[in-house]
Amino acid sequence: MSDPVVDFSDAPTKSGWGEAPDGGVFQDPGGNAKKQLENIPVGGNVYKFGKAAVDLVDPPQEYFDGEWWEILLNSLQQVAKMGEQILEVVGVVRGVMSANPGDIIGVLAGALAKSVLSFLISTIQPIQDLVGILYGNPARLDESANMWKAVSENLTALADEIGPDLEAACNDWCSKAGAGATVRGSDLMQTTQFAATSSMGLHDFLLCYKDLAQGVNDLVLQIVSDVVAVVIAALVEAGTKGPFAIPFIAADVAILIASYVMRLIQLATQVAWLIIEGVTLMTAIKECFEKAMSVLEQLANPGSSPPVEV
């Protein structure tokens, strides 16, 4: 038997709390800095809009099988993302058109606050783990999902490798002991397949949970960004225009509320994905248990063992 068959992933155990996967404290600062370019007003919005449009027609394949309800959920999620980016661009354009320094400063300050916080959380592992206790840690969940995928793939390879040899050996064993070996061999294969199916289900479930955790993290960061932007803009408006600033402040708040509606739709679809994946996993486990029950019944009732050649 080749080593890769039992070479299970140990990624989640390579680092402890506050340590990156390589054992250090900092995690890919250069790559995380590049990611923050997505938070640049207008430019980042156009990129995110385009990505959501691509995912709308070519959805992520981690948990997408093309069922009508999956198509509906994916469409709702991606359209909400596109709507969120449109509304943010509208807010920026409104600020520029009003020629009000407060709007421009507010948008830039909000984007800067979001970028800095995102960089710190994604780069400094102790901060990431601390925030993860409150909102979930997408990076750690991704590591665990990949581990369970590796476990499933290796268990499947293990079953494929020992299955034919085991079956041939049992077929050549012509006695009551051979019948018992056949039953126990079937039990082993059923158990291995059950573990492989369950592991892949856990992988898919964790991916959905990772998406939900990422959505919650993004929402919290966006709230910080929006609060900074709106407060600065409102203060400048009130200081320069007095009571006449109320319509401008109201417009900012209206855009903000509409954006939050789009974000809540995204979170709702991610919760739905999580529930659906959980039900799918439980159904798969139930089917595996039902298959294993026939083997256990044979073990419990020797008279039900398959006939043997004499």
C-alpha atoms as a PDB file:
ATOM      1  CA  MET A   1       0.000   0.000   0.000  1.00  0.00           C
ATOM      2  CA  SER A   2       1.411   3.380  -0.987  1.00  0.00           C
ATOM      3  CA  ASP A   3       2.017   6.063   1.626  1.00  0.00           C
ATOM      4  CA  PRO A   4      -0.271   8.738   0.089  1.00  0.00           C
ATOM      5  CA  VAL A   5      -3.283   6.510   0.785  1.00  0.00           C
ATOM      6  CA  VAL A   6      -2.948   7.158   4.505  1.00  0.00           C
ATOM      7  CA  ASP A   7      -1.288  10.573   4.313  1.00  0.00           C
ATOM      8  CA  PHE A   8      -4.056  12.535   6.023  1.00  0.00           C
ATOM      9  CA  SER A   9      -3.893  16.323   6.283  1.00  0.00           C
ATOM     10  CA  ASP A  10      -2.930  17.782   9.655  1.00  0.00           C
ATOM     11  CA  ALA A  11      -3.204  21.468   8.691  1.00  0.00           C
ATOM     12  CA  PRO A  12      -5.504  22.482  11.584  1.00  0.00           C
ATOM     13  CA  THR A  13      -3.092  21.010  14.140  1.00  0.00           C
ATOM     14  CA  LYS A  14       0.041  22.672  12.782  1.00  0.00           C
ATOM     15  CA  SER A  15      -0.566  25.848  14.772  1.00  0.00           C
ATOM     16  CA  GLY A  16      -2.135  26.704  18.095  1.00  0.00           C
ATOM     17  CA  TRP A  17      -4.160  29.688  19.217  1.00  0.00           C
ATOM     18  CA  GLY A  18      -2.510  32.906  18.067  1.00  0.00           C
ATOM     19  CA  GLU A  19      -0.148  31.119  15.672  1.00  0.00           C
ATOM     20  CA  ALA A  20      -0.306  31.147  11.892  1.00  0.00           C
ATOM     21  CA  PRO A  21      -0.113  27.808  10.017  1.00  0.00           C
ATOM     22  CA  ASP A  22       3.657  28.264   9.665  1.00  0.00           C
ATOM     23  CA  GLY A  23       3.994  28.676  13.437  1.00  0.00           C
ATOM     24  CA  GLY A  24       4.588  32.435  13.322  1.00  0.00           C
ATOM     25  CA  VAL A  25       2.451  35.360  14.425  1.00  0.00           C
ATOM     26  CA  PHE A  26       2.100  37.177  11.091  1.00  0.00           C
ATOM     27  CA  GLN A  27       0.254  35.603   8.179  1.00  0.00           C
ATOM     28  CA  ASP A  28       0.996  36.680   4.585  1.00  0.00           C
ATOM     29  CA  PRO A  29       1.184  40.491   5.146  1.00  0.00           C
ATOM     30  CA  GLY A  30       2.023  41.136   1.477  1.00  0.00           C
ATOM     31  CA  GLY A  31      -0.919  39.155   0.146  1.00  0.00           C
ATOM     32  CA  ASN A  32      -3.308  40.686   2.679  1.00  0.00           C
ATOM     33  CA  ALA A  33      -2.125  44.187   1.725  1.00  0.00           C
ATOM     34  CA  LYS A  34      -2.987  43.466  -1.928  1.00  0.00           C
ATOM     35  CA  LYS A  35      -6.450  42.283  -0.923  1.00  0.00           C
ATOM     36  CA  GLN A  36      -7.159  45.655   0.680  1.00  0.00           C
ATOM     37  CA  LEU A  37      -7.080  47.243  -2.777  1.00  0.00           C
ATOM     38  CA  GLU A  38     -10.621  45.902  -3.074  1.00  0.00           C
ATOM     39  CA  ASN A  39     -11.720  48.454  -0.467  1.00  0.00           C
ATOM     40  CA  ILE A  40     -10.678  51.452  -2.581  1.00  0.00           C
ATOM     41  CA  PRO A  41     -13.859  53.444  -3.336  1.00  0.00           C
ATOM     42  CA  VAL A  42     -15.304  53.006  -6.849  1.00  0.00           C
ATOM     43  CA  GLY A  43     -12.380  50.896  -8.131  1.00  0.00           C
ATOM     44  CA  GLY A  44     -12.952  48.205  -5.522  1.00  0.00           C
ATOM     45  CA  ASN A  45     -16.717  48.431  -6.036  1.00  0.00           C
ATOM     46  CA  VAL A  46     -16.351  47.819  -9.777  1.00  0.00           C
ATOM     47  CA  TYR A  47     -14.174  44.755  -9.106  1.00  0.00           C
ATOM     48  CA  LYS A  48     -16.635  43.320  -6.559  1.00  0.00           C
ATOM     49  CA  PHE A  49     -19.573  44.029  -8.880  1.00  0.00           C
ATOM     50  CA  GLY A  50     -17.807  42.181 -11.704  1.00  0.00           C
ATOM     51  CA  LYS A  51     -16.968  39.223  -9.470  1.00  0.00           C
ATOM     52  CA  ALA A  52     -20.580  38.955  -8.301  1.00  0.00           C
ATOM     53  CA  ALA A  53     -21.733  39.095 -11.946  1.00  0.00           C
ATOM     54  CA  VAL A  54     -19.367  36.228 -12.840  1.00  0.00           C
ATOM     55  CA  ASP A  55     -20.578  34.170  -9.864  1.00  0.00           C
ATOM     56  CA  LEU A  56     -24.156  34.839 -10.965  1.00  0.00           C
ATOM     57  CA  VAL A  57     -23.676  33.090 -14.324  1.00  0.00           C
ATOM     58  CA  ASP A  58     -20.863  30.734 -13.215  1.00  0.00           C
ATOM     59  CA  PRO A  59     -21.549  29.990  -9.532  1.00  0.00           C
ATOM     60  CA  PRO A  60     -18.943  28.657  -7.099  1.00  0.00           C
ATOM     61  CA  GLN A  61     -18.880  24.871  -7.274  1.00  0.00           C
ATOM     62  CA  GLU A  62     -18.165  24.030  -3.627  1.00  0.00           C
ATOM     63  CA  TYR A  63     -21.831  23.450  -2.831  1.00  0.00           C
ATOM     64  CA  PHE A  64     -23.636  24.115  -6.105  1.00  0.00           C
ATOM     65  CA  ASP A  65     -25.376  21.207  -7.862  1.00  0.00           C
ATOM     66  CA  GLY A  66     -27.766  23.131 -10.089  1.00  0.00           C
ATOM     67  CA  GLU A  67     -31.024  22.430  -8.242  1.00  0.00           C
ATOM     68  CA  TRP A  68     -33.649  25.127  -8.699  1.00  0.00           C
ATOM     69  CA  TRP A  69     -33.443  26.270  -5.073  1.00  0.00           C
ATOM     70  CA  GLU A  70     -29.668  26.471  -5.285  1.00  0.00           C
ATOM     71  CA  ILE A  71     -29.945  28.572  -8.438  1.00  0.00           C
ATOM     72  CA  LEU A  72     -32.423  30.849  -6.646  1.00  0.00           C
ATOM     73  CA  LEU A  73     -30.223  31.233  -3.555  1.00  0.00           C
ATOM     74  CA  ASN A  74     -27.137  31.925  -5.627  1.00  0.00           C
ATOM     75  CA  SER A  75     -29.012  34.498  -7.723  1.00  0.00           C
ATOM     76  CA  LEU A  76     -30.336  36.290  -4.627  1.00  0.00           C
ATOM     77  CA  GLN A  77     -26.881  36.339  -3.070  1.00  0.00           C
ATOM     78  CA  GLN A  78     -25.051  37.651  -6.138  1.00  0.00           C
ATOM     79  CA  VAL A  79     -27.728  40.218  -7.081  1.00  0.00           C
ATOM     80  CA  ALA A  80     -27.622  41.532  -3.514  1.00  0.00           C
ATOM     81  CA  LYS A  81     -23.827  41.870  -3.776  1.00  0.00           C
ATOM     82  CA  MET A  82     -24.177  43.757  -7.057  1.00  0.00           C
ATOM     83  CA  GLY A  83     -26.835  46.015  -5.558  1.00  0.00           C
ATOM     84  CA  GLU A  84     -24.609  46.749  -2.559  1.00  0.00           C
ATOM     85  CA  GLN A  85     -21.745  47.847  -4.829  1.00  0.00           C
ATOM     86  CA  ILE A  86     -24.069  50.029  -6.922  1.00  0.00           C
ATOM     87  CA  LEU A  87     -25.400  51.767  -3.816  1.00  0.00           C
ATOM     88  CA  GLU A  88     -21.881  52.405  -2.497  1.00  0.00           C
ATOM     89  CA  VAL A  89     -20.863  53.957  -5.828  1.00  0.00           C
ATOM     90  CA  VAL A  90     -24.039  56.065  -5.785  1.00  0.00           C
ATOM     91  CA  GLY A  91     -23.018  57.341  -2.349  1.00  0.00           C
ATOM     92  CA  VAL A  92     -19.556  58.267  -3.587  1.00  0.00           C
ATOM     93  CA  VAL A  93     -20.939  59.987  -6.689  1.00  0.00           C
ATOM     94  CA  ARG A  94     -23.475  61.891  -4.594  1.00  0.00           C
ATOM     95  CA  GLY A  95     -20.686  63.156  -2.374  1.00  0.00           C
ATOM     96  CA  VAL A  96     -18.580  64.265  -5.345  1.00  0.00           C
ATOM     97  CA  MET A  97     -21.535  65.922  -7.078  1.00  0.00           C
ATOM     98  CA  SER A  98     -22.432  67.835  -3.938  1.00  0.00           C
ATOM     99  CA  ALA A  99     -18.880  69.201  -3.850  1.00  0.00           C
ATOM    100  CA  ASN A 100     -19.014  68.797  -0.094  1.00  0.00           C
ATOM    101  CA  PRO A 101     -15.603  68.057   1.450  1.00  0.00           C
ATOM    102  CA  GLY A 102     -17.300  66.228   4.310  1.00  0.00           C
ATOM    103  CA  ASP A 103     -18.724  63.538   2.002  1.00  0.00           C
ATOM    104  CA  ILE A 104     -15.426  62.985   0.244  1.00  0.00           C
ATOM    105  CA  ILE A 105     -13.431  62.921   3.488  1.00  0.00           C
ATOM    106  CA  GLY A 106     -16.010  60.647   5.096  1.00  0.00           C
ATOM    107  CA  VAL A 107     -15.911  58.083   2.262  1.00  0.00           C
ATOM    108  CA  LEU A 108     -12.115  58.033   2.206  1.00  0.00           C
ATOM    109  CA  ALA A 109     -11.867  57.811   6.017  1.00  0.00           C
ATOM    110  CA  GLY A 110     -14.402  54.978   6.119  1.00  0.00           C
ATOM    111  CA  ALA A 111     -12.607  53.020   3.405  1.00  0.00           C
ATOM    112  CA  LEU A 112      -9.278  53.569   5.153  1.00  0.00           C
ATOM    113  CA  ALA A 113     -10.680  52.382   8.488  1.00  0.00           C
ATOM    114  CA  LYS A 114     -12.070  49.216   6.874  1.00  0.00           C
ATOM    115  CA  SER A 115      -8.814  48.481   5.038  1.00  0.00           C
ATOM    116  CA  VAL A 116      -6.653  48.945   8.122  1.00  0.00           C
ATOM    117  CA  LEU A 117      -8.899  46.753  10.291  1.00  0.00           C
ATOM    118  CA  SER A 118      -9.127  44.070   7.583  1.00  0.00           C
ATOM    119  CA  PHE A 119      -5.347  44.038   7.197  1.00  0.00           C
ATOM    120  CA  LEU A 120      -4.728  43.780  10.945  1.00  0.00           C
ATOM    121  CA  ILE A 121      -7.290  40.995  11.434  1.00  0.00           C
ATOM    122  CA  SER A 122      -6.127  38.919   8.471  1.00  0.00           C
ATOM    123  CA  THR A 123      -2.394  39.403   9.143  1.00  0.00           C
ATOM    124  CA  ILE A 124      -1.877  39.277  12.924  1.00  0.00           C
ATOM    125  CA  GLN A 125      -2.928  35.785  14.006  1.00  0.00           C
ATOM    126  CA  PRO A 126      -3.709  36.558  17.702  1.00  0.00           C
ATOM    127  CA  ILE A 127      -6.101  39.323  16.610  1.00  0.00           C
ATOM    128  CA  GLN A 128      -7.636  37.023  13.992  1.00  0.00           C
ATOM    129  CA  ASP A 129      -8.220  34.263  16.551  1.00  0.00           C
ATOM    130  CA  LEU A 130      -9.632  36.731  19.083  1.00  0.00           C
ATOM    131  CA  VAL A 131     -12.066  38.172  16.535  1.00  0.00           C
ATOM    132  CA  GLY A 132     -12.844  34.616  15.437  1.00  0.00           C
ATOM    133  CA  ILE A 133     -14.187  33.808  18.895  1.00  0.00           C
ATOM    134  CA  LEU A 134     -16.852  36.480  18.366  1.00  0.00           C
ATOM    135  CA  TYR A 135     -17.636  36.270  14.646  1.00  0.00           C
ATOM    136  CA  GLY A 136     -16.073  33.022  13.428  1.00  0.00           C
ATOM    137  CA  ASN A 137     -12.663  32.565  11.814  1.00  0.00           C
ATOM    138  CA  PRO A 138     -12.987  31.930   8.036  1.00  0.00           C
ATOM    139  CA  ALA A 139      -9.282  31.122   7.627  1.00  0.00           C
ATOM    140  CA  ARG A 140      -9.311  28.461  10.342  1.00  0.00           C
ATOM    141  CA  LEU A 141     -12.583  27.035   9.027  1.00  0.00           C
ATOM    142  CA  ASP A 142     -11.047  26.800   5.563  1.00  0.00           C
ATOM    143  CA  GLU A 143      -8.112  24.840   7.005  1.00  0.00           C
ATOM    144  CA  SER A 144     -10.477  22.429   8.739  1.00  0.00           C
ATOM    145  CA  ALA A 145     -12.594  22.026   5.588  1.00  0.00           C
ATOM    146  CA  ASN A 146      -9.503  21.152   3.556  1.00  0.00           C
ATOM    147  CA  MET A 147      -8.463  18.645   6.221  1.00  0.00           C
ATOM    148  CA  TRP A 148     -11.792  16.808   6.012  1.00  0.00           C
ATOM    149  CA  LYS A 149     -11.594  16.839   2.218  1.00  0.00           C
ATOM    150  CA  ALA A 150      -8.149  15.210   2.429  1.00  0.00           C
ATOM    151  CA  VAL A 151      -9.504  12.645   4.891  1.00  0.00           C
ATOM    152  CA  SER A 152     -12.378  11.803   2.531  1.00  0.00           C
ATOM    153  CA  GLU A 153     -10.128  11.497  -0.513  1.00  0.00           C
ATOM    154  CA  ASN A 154      -7.672   9.281   1.361  1.00  0.00           C
ATOM    155  CA  LEU A 155     -10.400   7.038   2.779  1.00  0.00           C
ATOM    156  CA  THR A 156     -11.831   6.649  -0.716  1.00  0.00           C
ATOM    157  CA  ALA A 157      -8.371   5.757  -2.030  1.00  0.00           C
ATOM    158  CA  LEU A 158      -7.961   3.310   0.848  1.00  0.00           C
ATOM    159  CA  ALA A 159     -11.252   1.597   0.025  1.00  0.00           C
ATOM    160  CA  ASP A 160     -10.373   1.428  -3.674  1.00  0.00           C
ATOM    161  CA  GLU A 161      -6.993  -0.101  -2.871  1.00  0.00           C
ATOM    162  CA  ILE A 162      -8.011  -2.793  -0.381  1.00  0.00           C
ATOM    163  CA  GLY A 163     -11.484  -3.535  -1.762  1.00  0.00           C
ATOM    164  CA  PRO A 164     -10.619  -5.782  -4.753  1.00  0.00           C
ATOM    165  CA  ASP A 165      -7.915  -7.728  -2.882  1.00  0.00           C
ATOM    166  CA  LEU A 166     -10.173  -8.251   0.123  1.00  0.00           C
ATOM    167  CA  GLU A 167     -13.045  -9.472  -2.035  1.00  0.00           C
ATOM    168  CA  ALA A 168     -10.791 -11.877  -3.942  1.00  0.00           C
ATOM    169  CA  ALA A 169      -9.309 -13.278  -0.736  1.00  0.00           C
ATOM    170  CA  CYS A 170     -12.741 -13.867   0.779  1.00  0.00           C
ATOM    171  CA  ASN A 171     -14.034 -15.551  -2.388  1.00  0.00           C
ATOM    172  CA  ASP A 172     -11.132 -18.040  -2.293  1.00  0.00           C
ATOM    173  CA  TRP A 173     -11.809 -18.837   1.379  1.00  0.00           C
ATOM    174  CA  CYS A 174     -14.380 -21.650   1.102  1.00  0.00           C
ATOM    175  CA  SER A 175     -15.554 -22.300   4.647  1.00  0.00           C
ATOM    176  CA  LYS A 176     -17.733 -20.877   7.379  1.00  0.00           C
ATOM    177  CA  ALA A 177     -14.760 -18.785   8.411  1.00  0.00           C
ATOM    178  CA  GLY A 178     -14.676 -17.433   4.862  1.00  0.00           C
ATOM    179  CA  ALA A 179     -18.332 -16.452   5.157  1.00  0.00           C
ATOM    180  CA  GLY A 180     -17.553 -14.623   8.376  1.00  0.00           C
ATOM    181  CA  ALA A 181     -14.579 -12.921   6.757  1.00  0.00           C
ATOM    182  CA  THR A 182     -16.818 -11.833   3.892  1.00  0.00           C
ATOM    183  CA  VAL A 183     -19.266 -10.243   6.322  1.00  0.00           C
ATOM    184  CA  ARG A 184     -16.510  -8.519   8.268  1.00  0.00           C
ATOM    185  CA  GLY A 185     -14.837  -7.403   5.053  1.00  0.00           C
ATOM    186  CA  SER A 186     -18.123  -5.905   3.925  1.00  0.00           C
ATOM    187  CA  ASP A 187     -18.404  -4.237   7.318  1.00  0.00           C
ATOM    188  CA  LEU A 188     -14.938  -2.728   6.868  1.00  0.00           C
ATOM    189  CA  MET A 189     -15.748  -1.407   3.396  1.00  0.00           C
ATOM    190  CA  GLN A 190     -19.097  -0.005   4.528  1.00  0.00           C
ATOM    191  CA  THR A 191     -17.432   1.721   7.470  1.00  0.00           C
ATOM    192  CA  THR A 192     -14.695   3.184   5.277  1.00  0.00           C
ATOM    193  CA  GLN A 193     -17.206   4.451   2.720  1.00  0.00           C
ATOM    194  CA  PHE A 194     -19.389   5.842   5.496  1.00  0.00           C
ATOM    195  CA  ALA A 195     -16.413   7.722   6.950  1.00  0.00           C
ATOM    196  CA  ALA A 196     -15.430   9.048   3.503  1.00  0.00           C
ATOM    197  CA  THR A 197     -18.950  10.280   2.776  1.00  0.00           C
ATOM    198  CA  SER A 198     -19.280  11.880   6.207  1.00  0.00           C
ATOM    199  CA  SER A 199     -15.881  13.575   5.880  1.00  0.00           C
ATOM    200  CA  MET A 200     -16.764  15.107   2.523  1.00  0.00           C
ATOM    201  CA  GLY A 201     -20.081  16.250   3.981  1.00  0.00           C
ATOM    202  CA  LEU A 202     -18.222  17.947   6.839  1.00  0.00           C
ATOM    203  CA  HIS A 203     -15.973  19.627   4.250  1.00  0.00           C
ATOM    204  CA  ASP A 204     -18.980  21.078   2.410  1.00  0.00           C
ATOM    205  CA  PHE A 205     -20.671  22.063   5.666  1.00  0.00           C
ATOM    206  CA  LEU A 206     -17.574  23.884   6.909  1.00  0.00           C
ATOM    207  CA  LEU A 207     -17.266  25.757   3.610  1.00  0.00           C
ATOM    208  CA  CYS A 208     -20.816  27.051   4.036  1.00  0.00           C
ATOM    209  CA  TYR A 209     -20.074  27.966   7.651  1.00  0.00           C
ATOM    210  CA  LYS A 210     -16.896  29.725   6.482  1.00  0.00           C
ATOM    211  CA  ASP A 211     -18.945  31.806   4.040  1.00  0.00           C
ATOM    212  CA  LEU A 212     -21.372  32.736   6.804  1.00  0.00           C
ATOM    213  CA  ALA A 213     -18.527  33.690   9.155  1.00  0.00           C
ATOM    214  CA  GLN A 214     -16.923  35.745   6.392  1.00  0.00           C
ATOM    215  CA  GLY A 215     -20.232  37.506   5.796  1.00  0.00           C
ATOM    216  CA  VAL A 216     -20.550  38.378   9.494  1.00  0.00           C
ATOM    217  CA  ASN A 217     -16.950  39.629   9.594  1.00  0.00           C
ATOM    218  CA  ASP A 218     -17.510  41.741   6.477  1.00  0.00           C
ATOM    219  CA  LEU A 219     -20.721  43.175   7.910  1.00  0.00           C
ATOM    220  CA  VAL A 220     -19.001  44.227  11.142  1.00  0.00           C
ATOM    221  CA  LEU A 221     -16.129  45.827   9.216  1.00  0.00           C
ATOM    222  CA  GLN A 222     -18.568  47.585   6.903  1.00  0.00           C
ATOM    223  CA  ILE A 223     -20.529  48.938   9.872  1.00  0.00           C
ATOM    224  CA  VAL A 224     -17.307  50.456  11.210  1.00  0.00           C
ATOM    225  CA  SER A 225     -16.572  51.950   7.792  1.00  0.00           C
ATOM    226  CA  ASP A 226     -20.094  53.319   7.372  1.00  0.00           C
ATOM    227  CA  VAL A 227     -20.242  54.813  10.853  1.00  0.00           C
ATOM    228  CA  VAL A 228     -16.922  56.612  10.332  1.00  0.00           C
ATOM    229  CA  ALA A 229     -18.005  57.896   6.907  1.00  0.00           C
ATOM    230  CA  VAL A 230     -21.479  59.049   7.925  1.00  0.00           C
ATOM    231  CA  VAL A 231     -20.394  60.671  11.211  1.00  0.00           C
ATOM    232  CA  ILE A 232     -17.617  62.670   9.544  1.00  0.00           C
ATOM    233  CA  ALA A 233     -19.871  63.720   6.662  1.00  0.00           C
ATOM    234  CA  ALA A 234     -22.700  64.684   9.048  1.00  0.00           C
ATOM    235  CA  LEU A 235     -20.387  66.732  11.248  1.00  0.00           C
ATOM    236  CA  VAL A 236     -18.995  68.690   8.287  1.00  0.00           C
ATOM    237  CA  GLU A 237     -22.483  69.159   6.784  1.00  0.00           C
ATOM    238  CA  ALA A 238     -23.910  70.399  10.070  1.00  0.00           C
ATOM    239  CA  GLY A 239     -20.943  72.686  10.649  1.00  0.00           C
ATOM    240  CA  THR A 240     -21.110  74.307   7.214  1.00  0.00           C
ATOM    241  CA  LYS A 241     -24.831  74.273   6.381  1.00  0.00           C
ATOM    242  CA  GLY A 242     -26.619  74.113   9.693  1.00  0.00           C
ATOM    243  CA  PRO A 243     -30.292  73.036   9.372  1.00  0.00           C
ATOM    244  CA  PHE A 244     -29.938  72.948   5.559  1.00  0.00           C
ATOM    245  CA  ALA A 245     -27.721  69.883   6.004  1.00  0.00           C
ATOM    246  CA  ILE A 246     -30.672  67.685   7.035  1.00  0.00           C
ATOM    247  CA  PRO A 247     -31.668  66.625   3.454  1.00  0.00           C
ATOM    248  CA  PHE A 248     -28.054  65.674   2.649  1.00  0.00           C
ATOM    249  CA  ILE A 249     -27.685  63.683   5.863  1.00  0.00           C
ATOM    250  CA  ALA A 250     -31.038  61.993   5.201  1.00  0.00           C
ATOM    251  CA  ALA A 251     -29.843  60.982   1.717  1.00  0.00           C
ATOM    252  CA  ASP A 252     -26.714  59.387   3.188  1.00  0.00           C
ATOM    253  CA  VAL A 253     -28.773  57.501   5.763  1.00  0.00           C
ATOM    254  CA  ALA A 254     -31.215  56.270   3.076  1.00  0.00           C
ATOM    255  CA  ILE A 255     -28.365  54.916   0.954  1.00  0.00           C
ATOM    256  CA  LEU A 256     -26.858  53.323   4.062  1.00  0.00           C
ATOM    257  CA  ILE A 257     -30.119  51.579   5.016  1.00  0.00           C
ATOM    258  CA  ALA A 258     -30.555  50.253   1.463  1.00  0.00           C
ATOM    259  CA  SER A 259     -26.991  48.907   1.539  1.00  0.00           C
ATOM    260  CA  TYR A 260     -27.658  47.118   4.820  1.00  0.00           C
ATOM    261  CA  VAL A 261     -30.760  45.500   3.323  1.00  0.00           C
ATOM    262  CA  MET A 262     -28.553  44.100   0.541  1.00  0.00           C
ATOM    263  CA  ARG A 263     -26.022  42.807   3.081  1.00  0.00           C
ATOM    264  CA  LEU A 264     -28.729  41.188   5.224  1.00  0.00           C
ATOM    265  CA  ILE A 265     -30.050  39.398   2.114  1.00  0.00           C
ATOM    266  CA  GLN A 266     -26.546  38.028   1.560  1.00  0.00           C
ATOM    267  CA  LEU A 267     -26.326  36.823   5.154  1.00  0.00           C
ATOM    268  CA  ALA A 268     -29.792  35.256   4.913  1.00  0.00           C
ATOM    269  CA  THR A 269     -28.779  33.297   1.795  1.00  0.00           C
ATOM    270  CA  GLN A 270     -25.592  32.135   3.528  1.00  0.00           C
ATOM    271  CA  VAL A 271     -27.655  30.910   6.495  1.00  0.00           C
ATOM    272  CA  ALA A 272     -29.911  29.076   4.036  1.00  0.00           C
ATOM    273  CA  TRP A 273     -26.870  27.448   2.379  1.00  0.00           C
ATOM    274  CA  LEU A 274     -25.668  26.354   5.828  1.00  0.00           C
ATOM    275  CA  ILE A 275     -29.022  24.811   6.762  1.00  0.00           C
ATOM    276  CA  ILE A 276     -29.340  23.031   3.411  1.00  0.00           C
ATOM    277  CA  GLU A 277     -25.813  21.628   3.633  1.00  0.00           C
ATOM    278  CA  GLY A 278     -26.482  20.453   7.181  1.00  0.00           C
ATOM    279  CA  VAL A 279     -29.653  18.640   6.080  1.00  0.00           C
ATOM    280  CA  THR A 280     -27.765  17.104   3.140  1.00  0.00           C
ATOM    281  CA  LEU A 281     -25.028  15.876   5.471  1.00  0.00           C
ATOM    282  CA  MET A 282     -27.536  14.359   7.900  1.00  0.00           C
ATOM    283  CA  THR A 283     -29.327  12.624   4.995  1.00  0.00           C
ATOM    284  CA  ALA A 284     -26.044  11.156   3.726  1.00  0.00           C
ATOM    285  CA  ILE A 285     -25.153   9.897   7.199  1.00  0.00           C
ATOM    286  CA  LYS A 286     -28.628   8.378   7.576  1.00  0.00           C
ATOM    287  CA  GLU A 287     -28.238   6.501   4.268  1.00  0.00           C
ATOM    288  CA  CYS A 288     -24.805   5.227   5.310  1.00  0.00           C
ATOM    289  CA  PHE A 289     -26.191   3.989   8.621  1.00  0.00           C
ATOM    290  CA  GLU A 290     -29.021   2.206   6.831  1.00  0.00           C
ATOM    291  CA  LYS A 291     -26.520   0.412   4.583  1.00  0.00           C
ATOM    292  CA  ALA A 292     -24.350  -0.512   7.545  1.00  0.00           C
ATOM    293  CA  MET A 293     -27.352  -1.933   9.408  1.00  0.00           C
ATOM    294  CA  SER A 294     -27.631  -4.862   6.978  1.00  0.00           C
ATOM    295  CA  VAL A 295     -24.040  -5.833   7.762  1.00  0.00           C
ATOM    296  CA  LEU A 296     -24.630  -5.515  11.513  1.00  0.00           C
ATOM    297  CA  GLU A 297     -27.739  -7.682  11.234  1.00  0.00           C
ATOM    298  CA  GLN A 298     -25.687 -10.384   9.523  1.00  0.00           C
ATOM    299  CA  LEU A 299     -23.123 -10.217  12.321  1.00  0.00           C
ATOM    300  CA  ALA A 300     -25.884 -10.473  14.931  1.00  0.00           C
ATOM    301  CA  ASN A 301     -27.634 -13.366  13.122  1.00  0.00           C
ATOM    302  CA  PRO A 302     -25.147 -15.929  11.830  1.00  0.00           C
ATOM    303  CA  GLY A 303     -27.967 -17.787  10.126  1.00  0.00           C
ATOM    304  CA  SER A 304     -28.366 -14.881   7.719  1.00  0.00           C
ATOM    305  CA  SER A 305     -24.775 -15.172   6.486  1.00  0.00           C
ATOM    306  CA  PRO A 306     -24.365 -15.653   2.741  1.00  0.00           C
ATOM    307  CA  PRO A 307     -24.133 -19.261   1.518  1.00  0.00           C
ATOM    308  CA  VAL A 308     -20.663 -20.680   1.086  1.00  0.00           C
ATOM    309  CA  GLU A 309     -19.188 -23.242  -1.299  1.00  0.00           C
ATOM    310  CA  VAL A 310     -18.147 -26.628   0.066  1.00  0.00           C
END
